[in-house]
Amino acid sequence: MQSSTNSYEKLISILEKEFDLLSGLVELLQKEKDVIAGTDLTALDNYIREKELLIAKIRVCEEARERELKYLGLSNKKLSVIAAESGPEHKDRLALIASKFKSITHSIAELNKLNGLLIDKSLFYIKSSRRFLETFGVKPVGKVSVEV
């Protein structure tokens, strides 16, 4: 059985790795607007694959974090509460990580909101263009991407 100190160290290591992955997600989301606005379907496909891979890695970290929290008897507690309840040797590091997570999740939410608006605007433009062409009897043919 691992000691409580080792479990907190393992938890901190997992959280730091998860934060690094989330930072990578922020970078991808910042690039997303260019990909959304562009017409390069290959770039869009590559971006989607990269984003899915990163999200899968984040999920693995989340599962490892949950296992450590369960071991420590801290399941379903906020990171700030965990920091406050931890010993003095871990309190400051966990509090800093909690603050960083709060900031990065806010950034991710804002970027997702902005990118969602860009997607909505692009879809509106496509639908408007299609209706315009149809008024002249032109039947646009949609290009469907099929993954193999």
N, C-alpha and C. Protein backbone atom coordinates (compact mmCIF):
# COMPACT_ATOMS: atom_id res chain seq x y z
N MET A 1 0.85 -1.19 0.00
CA MET A 1 0.00 0.00 0.00
C MET A 1 0.89 1.24 0.00
N GLN A 2 0.55 2.19 -0.82
CA GLN A 2 1.37 3.40 -0.90
C GLN A 2 1.02 4.36 0.23
N SER A 3 1.99 5.16 0.64
CA SER A 3 1.74 6.11 1.72
C SER A 3 0.94 7.29 1.21
N SER A 4 0.37 8.01 2.14
CA SER A 4 -0.43 9.19 1.79
C SER A 4 0.43 10.23 1.07
N THR A 5 1.67 10.40 1.54
CA THR A 5 2.57 11.37 0.92
C THR A 5 2.85 10.97 -0.53
N ASN A 6 3.13 9.67 -0.76
CA ASN A 6 3.37 9.21 -2.12
C ASN A 6 2.13 9.39 -2.99
N SER A 7 0.96 9.17 -2.42
CA SER A 7 -0.28 9.36 -3.18
C SER A 7 -0.48 10.81 -3.57
N TYR A 8 -0.18 11.72 -2.65
CA TYR A 8 -0.30 13.14 -2.98
C TYR A 8 0.71 13.52 -4.06
N GLU A 9 1.93 12.98 -3.97
CA GLU A 9 2.94 13.26 -5.00
C GLU A 9 2.48 12.71 -6.36
N LYS A 10 1.92 11.51 -6.33
CA LYS A 10 1.41 10.92 -7.58
C LYS A 10 0.27 11.76 -8.13
N LEU A 11 -0.64 12.21 -7.25
CA LEU A 11 -1.75 13.06 -7.66
C LEU A 11 -1.24 14.35 -8.29
N ILE A 12 -0.26 14.97 -7.66
CA ILE A 12 0.30 16.22 -8.18
C ILE A 12 0.93 15.98 -9.55
N SER A 13 1.64 14.87 -9.69
CA SER A 13 2.26 14.53 -10.98
C SER A 13 1.20 14.36 -12.07
N ILE A 14 0.11 13.67 -11.74
CA ILE A 14 -0.98 13.48 -12.68
C ILE A 14 -1.61 14.82 -13.05
N LEU A 15 -1.83 15.66 -12.06
CA LEU A 15 -2.44 16.96 -12.30
C LEU A 15 -1.55 17.84 -13.18
N GLU A 16 -0.26 17.79 -12.94
CA GLU A 16 0.66 18.59 -13.76
C GLU A 16 0.65 18.10 -15.21
N LYS A 17 0.62 16.79 -15.40
CA LYS A 17 0.55 16.24 -16.76
C LYS A 17 -0.76 16.64 -17.42
N GLU A 18 -1.86 16.54 -16.67
CA GLU A 18 -3.16 16.92 -17.22
C GLU A 18 -3.19 18.40 -17.59
N PHE A 19 -2.57 19.24 -16.75
CA PHE A 19 -2.52 20.67 -17.05
C PHE A 19 -1.74 20.92 -18.34
N ASP A 20 -0.63 20.21 -18.52
CA ASP A 20 0.15 20.36 -19.76
C ASP A 20 -0.69 19.97 -20.98
N LEU A 21 -1.45 18.90 -20.85
CA LEU A 21 -2.33 18.48 -21.95
C LEU A 21 -3.42 19.52 -22.21
N LEU A 22 -3.97 20.08 -21.15
CA LEU A 22 -4.99 21.12 -21.31
C LEU A 22 -4.40 22.36 -21.96
N SER A 23 -3.15 22.66 -21.65
CA SER A 23 -2.48 23.79 -22.30
C SER A 23 -2.35 23.55 -23.79
N GLY A 24 -2.05 22.30 -24.15
CA GLY A 24 -2.00 21.93 -25.57
C GLY A 24 -3.36 22.08 -26.22
N LEU A 25 -4.42 21.74 -25.48
CA LEU A 25 -5.77 21.90 -26.01
C LEU A 25 -6.09 23.37 -26.25
N VAL A 26 -5.66 24.23 -25.35
CA VAL A 26 -5.87 25.67 -25.54
C VAL A 26 -5.19 26.13 -26.82
N GLU A 27 -3.96 25.67 -27.05
CA GLU A 27 -3.25 26.04 -28.28
C GLU A 27 -4.02 25.57 -29.52
N LEU A 28 -4.54 24.35 -29.45
CA LEU A 28 -5.31 23.84 -30.58
C LEU A 28 -6.59 24.65 -30.80
N LEU A 29 -7.25 25.00 -29.72
CA LEU A 29 -8.49 25.77 -29.85
C LEU A 29 -8.22 27.16 -30.41
N GLN A 30 -7.06 27.72 -30.08
CA GLN A 30 -6.71 29.02 -30.63
C GLN A 30 -6.47 28.92 -32.14
N LYS A 31 -5.93 27.79 -32.59
CA LYS A 31 -5.71 27.57 -34.02
C LYS A 31 -7.01 27.21 -34.74
N GLU A 32 -7.98 26.74 -33.98
CA GLU A 32 -9.22 26.24 -34.57
C GLU A 32 -9.92 27.29 -35.42
N LYS A 33 -9.89 28.53 -35.00
CA LYS A 33 -10.59 29.56 -35.77
C LYS A 33 -10.04 29.69 -37.18
N ASP A 34 -8.73 29.55 -37.32
CA ASP A 34 -8.12 29.61 -38.66
C ASP A 34 -8.54 28.41 -39.49
N VAL A 35 -8.61 27.25 -38.84
CA VAL A 35 -9.00 26.03 -39.55
C VAL A 35 -10.47 26.11 -39.97
N ILE A 36 -11.30 26.63 -39.08
CA ILE A 36 -12.73 26.76 -39.38
C ILE A 36 -12.94 27.71 -40.56
N ALA A 37 -12.21 28.81 -40.55
CA ALA A 37 -12.37 29.82 -41.59
C ALA A 37 -11.76 29.39 -42.92
N GLY A 38 -10.81 28.49 -42.87
CA GLY A 38 -10.12 28.06 -44.08
C GLY A 38 -10.94 27.08 -44.89
N THR A 39 -10.45 26.81 -46.08
CA THR A 39 -11.15 25.87 -46.97
C THR A 39 -10.35 24.59 -47.17
N ASP A 40 -9.31 24.41 -46.39
CA ASP A 40 -8.45 23.24 -46.52
C ASP A 40 -9.04 22.09 -45.70
N LEU A 41 -9.74 21.19 -46.38
CA LEU A 41 -10.39 20.08 -45.69
C LEU A 41 -9.40 19.12 -45.07
N THR A 42 -8.23 18.97 -45.69
CA THR A 42 -7.20 18.10 -45.12
C THR A 42 -6.71 18.66 -43.80
N ALA A 43 -6.50 19.97 -43.75
CA ALA A 43 -6.07 20.61 -42.50
C ALA A 43 -7.14 20.45 -41.42
N LEU A 44 -8.40 20.59 -41.81
CA LEU A 44 -9.50 20.42 -40.86
C LEU A 44 -9.53 18.99 -40.33
N ASP A 45 -9.38 18.03 -41.22
CA ASP A 45 -9.37 16.62 -40.82
C ASP A 45 -8.21 16.33 -39.88
N ASN A 46 -7.01 16.84 -40.20
CA ASN A 46 -5.84 16.64 -39.34
C ASN A 46 -6.04 17.29 -37.98
N TYR A 47 -6.61 18.48 -37.98
CA TYR A 47 -6.87 19.19 -36.74
C TYR A 47 -7.82 18.38 -35.86
N ILE A 48 -8.89 17.86 -36.45
CA ILE A 48 -9.87 17.08 -35.69
C ILE A 48 -9.22 15.84 -35.08
N ARG A 49 -8.39 15.16 -35.85
CA ARG A 49 -7.70 13.97 -35.35
C ARG A 49 -6.76 14.33 -34.18
N GLU A 50 -6.03 15.41 -34.33
CA GLU A 50 -5.11 15.86 -33.28
C GLU A 50 -5.87 16.21 -32.00
N LYS A 51 -6.99 16.88 -32.18
CA LYS A 51 -7.81 17.28 -31.04
C LYS A 51 -8.39 16.05 -30.34
N GLU A 52 -8.87 15.08 -31.11
CA GLU A 52 -9.43 13.85 -30.53
C GLU A 52 -8.37 13.08 -29.75
N LEU A 53 -7.15 13.00 -30.29
CA LEU A 53 -6.06 12.31 -29.61
C LEU A 53 -5.72 12.99 -28.29
N LEU A 54 -5.65 14.30 -28.30
CA LEU A 54 -5.35 15.06 -27.10
C LEU A 54 -6.44 14.88 -26.05
N ILE A 55 -7.67 14.90 -26.47
CA ILE A 55 -8.79 14.72 -25.54
C ILE A 55 -8.75 13.31 -24.93
N ALA A 56 -8.37 12.31 -25.72
CA ALA A 56 -8.24 10.94 -25.19
C ALA A 56 -7.15 10.89 -24.11
N LYS A 57 -6.05 11.57 -24.33
CA LYS A 57 -4.97 11.61 -23.34
C LYS A 57 -5.43 12.32 -22.06
N ILE A 58 -6.21 13.37 -22.22
CA ILE A 58 -6.75 14.08 -21.05
C ILE A 58 -7.67 13.16 -20.26
N ARG A 59 -8.48 12.38 -20.95
CA ARG A 59 -9.38 11.44 -20.27
C ARG A 59 -8.60 10.40 -19.46
N VAL A 60 -7.48 9.92 -20.02
CA VAL A 60 -6.64 8.97 -19.30
C VAL A 60 -6.13 9.60 -18.00
N CYS A 61 -5.70 10.86 -18.08
CA CYS A 61 -5.24 11.56 -16.88
C CYS A 61 -6.38 11.73 -15.88
N GLU A 62 -7.56 12.06 -16.37
CA GLU A 62 -8.71 12.22 -15.48
C GLU A 62 -9.01 10.93 -14.74
N GLU A 63 -8.93 9.80 -15.44
CA GLU A 63 -9.19 8.51 -14.80
C GLU A 63 -8.13 8.21 -13.74
N ALA A 64 -6.87 8.48 -14.05
CA ALA A 64 -5.79 8.27 -13.07
C ALA A 64 -5.97 9.19 -11.86
N ARG A 65 -6.37 10.43 -12.14
CA ARG A 65 -6.62 11.38 -11.04
C ARG A 65 -7.73 10.88 -10.14
N GLU A 66 -8.81 10.39 -10.74
CA GLU A 66 -9.94 9.89 -9.96
C GLU A 66 -9.54 8.69 -9.09
N ARG A 67 -8.69 7.80 -9.64
CA ARG A 67 -8.22 6.65 -8.85
C ARG A 67 -7.44 7.12 -7.63
N GLU A 68 -6.55 8.10 -7.82
CA GLU A 68 -5.75 8.60 -6.69
C GLU A 68 -6.64 9.30 -5.67
N LEU A 69 -7.60 10.08 -6.16
CA LEU A 69 -8.51 10.76 -5.23
C LEU A 69 -9.33 9.75 -4.43
N LYS A 70 -9.74 8.69 -5.10
CA LYS A 70 -10.50 7.64 -4.40
C LYS A 70 -9.63 6.99 -3.33
N TYR A 71 -8.38 6.70 -3.67
CA TYR A 71 -7.45 6.10 -2.72
C TYR A 71 -7.27 7.00 -1.50
N LEU A 72 -7.20 8.30 -1.75
CA LEU A 72 -7.01 9.27 -0.66
C LEU A 72 -8.32 9.59 0.07
N GLY A 73 -9.44 9.04 -0.42
CA GLY A 73 -10.73 9.33 0.18
C GLY A 73 -11.22 10.74 -0.12
N LEU A 74 -10.83 11.25 -1.28
CA LEU A 74 -11.15 12.63 -1.64
C LEU A 74 -11.99 12.72 -2.92
N SER A 75 -12.65 11.64 -3.27
CA SER A 75 -13.46 11.64 -4.49
C SER A 75 -14.52 12.73 -4.43
N ASN A 76 -14.81 13.30 -5.60
CA ASN A 76 -15.86 14.30 -5.78
C ASN A 76 -15.63 15.59 -4.99
N LYS A 77 -14.38 15.88 -4.66
CA LYS A 77 -14.07 17.15 -3.99
C LYS A 77 -13.35 18.06 -4.97
N LYS A 78 -13.58 19.34 -4.82
CA LYS A 78 -12.90 20.33 -5.65
C LYS A 78 -11.42 20.36 -5.28
N LEU A 79 -10.60 20.71 -6.26
CA LEU A 79 -9.17 20.77 -6.05
C LEU A 79 -8.80 21.78 -4.95
N SER A 80 -9.52 22.87 -4.90
CA SER A 80 -9.24 23.88 -3.86
C SER A 80 -9.51 23.32 -2.46
N VAL A 81 -10.53 22.48 -2.34
CA VAL A 81 -10.84 21.84 -1.05
C VAL A 81 -9.77 20.81 -0.72
N ILE A 82 -9.36 20.06 -1.72
CA ILE A 82 -8.31 19.06 -1.51
C ILE A 82 -7.03 19.75 -1.04
N ALA A 83 -6.70 20.87 -1.66
CA ALA A 83 -5.51 21.62 -1.27
C ALA A 83 -5.61 22.08 0.18
N ALA A 84 -6.77 22.59 0.54
CA ALA A 84 -6.97 23.09 1.90
C ALA A 84 -6.87 21.97 2.93
N GLU A 85 -7.30 20.75 2.55
CA GLU A 85 -7.30 19.63 3.48
C GLU A 85 -5.99 18.84 3.49
N SER A 86 -5.11 19.12 2.54
CA SER A 86 -3.85 18.36 2.46
C SER A 86 -2.86 18.89 3.50
N GLY A 87 -1.80 18.12 3.68
CA GLY A 87 -0.77 18.53 4.63
C GLY A 87 0.02 19.72 4.12
N PRO A 88 0.79 20.32 5.00
CA PRO A 88 1.54 21.53 4.64
C PRO A 88 2.54 21.33 3.50
N GLU A 89 3.05 20.09 3.34
CA GLU A 89 4.03 19.84 2.28
C GLU A 89 3.40 19.81 0.89
N HIS A 90 2.06 19.72 0.81
CA HIS A 90 1.38 19.65 -0.49
C HIS A 90 0.40 20.80 -0.72
N LYS A 91 0.06 21.47 0.34
CA LYS A 91 -1.00 22.49 0.28
C LYS A 91 -0.73 23.57 -0.77
N ASP A 92 0.46 24.16 -0.74
CA ASP A 92 0.76 25.27 -1.66
C ASP A 92 0.79 24.81 -3.11
N ARG A 93 1.39 23.65 -3.35
CA ARG A 93 1.46 23.15 -4.73
C ARG A 93 0.07 22.83 -5.27
N LEU A 94 -0.75 22.20 -4.45
CA LEU A 94 -2.11 21.87 -4.88
C LEU A 94 -2.95 23.13 -5.08
N ALA A 95 -2.77 24.12 -4.21
CA ALA A 95 -3.51 25.38 -4.36
C ALA A 95 -3.12 26.08 -5.67
N LEU A 96 -1.83 26.05 -6.00
CA LEU A 96 -1.37 26.66 -7.25
C LEU A 96 -1.95 25.91 -8.45
N ILE A 97 -1.93 24.59 -8.39
CA ILE A 97 -2.50 23.79 -9.48
C ILE A 97 -4.00 24.07 -9.61
N ALA A 98 -4.70 24.17 -8.49
CA ALA A 98 -6.14 24.47 -8.52
C ALA A 98 -6.39 25.80 -9.21
N SER A 99 -5.57 26.78 -8.90
CA SER A 99 -5.71 28.11 -9.52
C SER A 99 -5.45 28.04 -11.02
N LYS A 100 -4.41 27.29 -11.41
CA LYS A 100 -4.09 27.14 -12.82
C LYS A 100 -5.20 26.41 -13.58
N PHE A 101 -5.78 25.39 -12.94
CA PHE A 101 -6.87 24.65 -13.57
C PHE A 101 -8.10 25.54 -13.75
N LYS A 102 -8.38 26.35 -12.76
CA LYS A 102 -9.53 27.26 -12.86
C LYS A 102 -9.33 28.21 -14.04
N SER A 103 -8.14 28.74 -14.17
CA SER A 103 -7.84 29.67 -15.26
C SER A 103 -7.91 28.99 -16.62
N ILE A 104 -7.33 27.82 -16.73
CA ILE A 104 -7.29 27.15 -18.05
C ILE A 104 -8.67 26.66 -18.45
N THR A 105 -9.48 26.20 -17.50
CA THR A 105 -10.83 25.76 -17.87
C THR A 105 -11.66 26.95 -18.32
N HIS A 106 -11.43 28.12 -17.73
CA HIS A 106 -12.11 29.34 -18.18
C HIS A 106 -11.69 29.68 -19.61
N SER A 107 -10.39 29.57 -19.88
CA SER A 107 -9.88 29.84 -21.23
C SER A 107 -10.48 28.89 -22.25
N ILE A 108 -10.55 27.61 -21.90
CA ILE A 108 -11.12 26.61 -22.80
C ILE A 108 -12.59 26.90 -23.08
N ALA A 109 -13.32 27.26 -22.03
CA ALA A 109 -14.75 27.57 -22.20
C ALA A 109 -14.93 28.77 -23.13
N GLU A 110 -14.11 29.80 -22.95
CA GLU A 110 -14.21 31.00 -23.79
C GLU A 110 -13.84 30.69 -25.24
N LEU A 111 -12.78 29.93 -25.44
CA LEU A 111 -12.38 29.57 -26.81
C LEU A 111 -13.43 28.70 -27.48
N ASN A 112 -14.01 27.77 -26.75
CA ASN A 112 -15.08 26.94 -27.31
C ASN A 112 -16.28 27.80 -27.70
N LYS A 113 -16.60 28.76 -26.87
CA LYS A 113 -17.72 29.66 -27.16
C LYS A 113 -17.44 30.47 -28.43
N LEU A 114 -16.25 31.03 -28.53
CA LEU A 114 -15.87 31.82 -29.70
C LEU A 114 -15.87 30.95 -30.96
N ASN A 115 -15.28 29.77 -30.87
CA ASN A 115 -15.24 28.88 -32.03
C ASN A 115 -16.63 28.41 -32.41
N GLY A 116 -17.49 28.21 -31.43
CA GLY A 116 -18.88 27.86 -31.73
C GLY A 116 -19.57 28.96 -32.51
N LEU A 117 -19.31 30.21 -32.15
CA LEU A 117 -19.88 31.34 -32.88
C LEU A 117 -19.36 31.39 -34.32
N LEU A 118 -18.07 31.10 -34.48
CA LEU A 118 -17.50 31.06 -35.83
C LEU A 118 -18.13 29.96 -36.68
N ILE A 119 -18.36 28.82 -36.08
CA ILE A 119 -19.00 27.72 -36.79
C ILE A 119 -20.43 28.10 -37.18
N ASP A 120 -21.16 28.70 -36.24
CA ASP A 120 -22.53 29.15 -36.53
C ASP A 120 -22.54 30.15 -37.67
N LYS A 121 -21.59 31.08 -37.66
CA LYS A 121 -21.51 32.09 -38.71
C LYS A 121 -21.20 31.43 -40.06
N SER A 122 -20.28 30.47 -40.05
CA SER A 122 -19.94 29.75 -41.29
C SER A 122 -21.14 28.98 -41.83
N LEU A 123 -21.86 28.32 -40.95
CA LEU A 123 -23.04 27.57 -41.37
C LEU A 123 -24.12 28.50 -41.93
N PHE A 124 -24.30 29.66 -41.30
CA PHE A 124 -25.27 30.63 -41.80
C PHE A 124 -24.88 31.09 -43.20
N TYR A 125 -23.59 31.36 -43.41
CA TYR A 125 -23.10 31.78 -44.72
C TYR A 125 -23.34 30.70 -45.77
N ILE A 126 -23.06 29.47 -45.42
CA ILE A 126 -23.26 28.34 -46.35
C ILE A 126 -24.73 28.19 -46.71
N LYS A 127 -25.60 28.24 -45.70
CA LYS A 127 -27.04 28.10 -45.95
C LYS A 127 -27.56 29.26 -46.79
N SER A 128 -27.10 30.46 -46.50
CA SER A 128 -27.53 31.63 -47.28
C SER A 128 -27.06 31.52 -48.73
N SER A 129 -25.83 31.09 -48.92
CA SER A 129 -25.29 30.93 -50.27
C SER A 129 -26.07 29.86 -51.03
N ARG A 130 -26.39 28.79 -50.35
CA ARG A 130 -27.14 27.71 -50.99
C ARG A 130 -28.52 28.20 -51.42
N ARG A 131 -29.22 28.92 -50.53
CA ARG A 131 -30.54 29.46 -50.87
C ARG A 131 -30.45 30.43 -52.05
N PHE A 132 -29.40 31.26 -52.07
CA PHE A 132 -29.21 32.21 -53.15
C PHE A 132 -29.04 31.47 -54.48
N LEU A 133 -28.21 30.45 -54.50
CA LEU A 133 -27.99 29.68 -55.73
C LEU A 133 -29.27 28.97 -56.17
N GLU A 134 -30.01 28.47 -55.21
CA GLU A 134 -31.25 27.75 -55.55
C GLU A 134 -32.29 28.67 -56.16
N THR A 135 -32.25 29.98 -55.84
CA THR A 135 -33.21 30.91 -56.46
C THR A 135 -32.96 31.03 -57.96
N PHE A 136 -31.77 30.68 -58.41
CA PHE A 136 -31.44 30.71 -59.84
C PHE A 136 -31.49 29.31 -60.46
N GLY A 137 -32.03 28.38 -59.73
CA GLY A 137 -32.17 27.02 -60.25
C GLY A 137 -30.91 26.17 -60.16
N VAL A 138 -29.90 26.70 -59.50
CA VAL A 138 -28.66 25.94 -59.34
C VAL A 138 -28.80 25.05 -58.11
N LYS A 139 -28.52 23.78 -58.30
CA LYS A 139 -28.61 22.82 -57.20
C LYS A 139 -27.19 22.48 -56.74
N PRO A 140 -26.71 23.14 -55.68
CA PRO A 140 -25.35 22.86 -55.20
C PRO A 140 -25.24 21.41 -54.72
N VAL A 141 -24.13 20.80 -55.04
CA VAL A 141 -23.86 19.43 -54.61
C VAL A 141 -22.87 19.51 -53.45
N GLY A 142 -23.28 18.96 -52.33
CA GLY A 142 -22.41 18.97 -51.16
C GLY A 142 -21.33 17.93 -51.27
N LYS A 143 -20.16 18.26 -50.79
CA LYS A 143 -19.06 17.32 -50.77
C LYS A 143 -19.07 16.65 -49.41
N VAL A 144 -19.13 15.34 -49.41
CA VAL A 144 -19.18 14.61 -48.17
C VAL A 144 -17.83 13.96 -47.92
N SER A 145 -17.30 14.18 -46.72
CA SER A 145 -16.02 13.55 -46.35
C SER A 145 -16.34 12.19 -45.74
N VAL A 146 -15.73 11.17 -46.29
CA VAL A 146 -15.95 9.82 -45.77
C VAL A 146 -14.61 9.30 -45.26
N GLU A 147 -14.58 8.97 -43.98
CA GLU A 147 -13.35 8.42 -43.40
C GLU A 147 -13.28 6.94 -43.71
N VAL A 148 -12.08 6.50 -44.02
CA VAL A 148 -11.87 5.09 -44.35
C VAL A 148 -11.37 4.36 -43.11
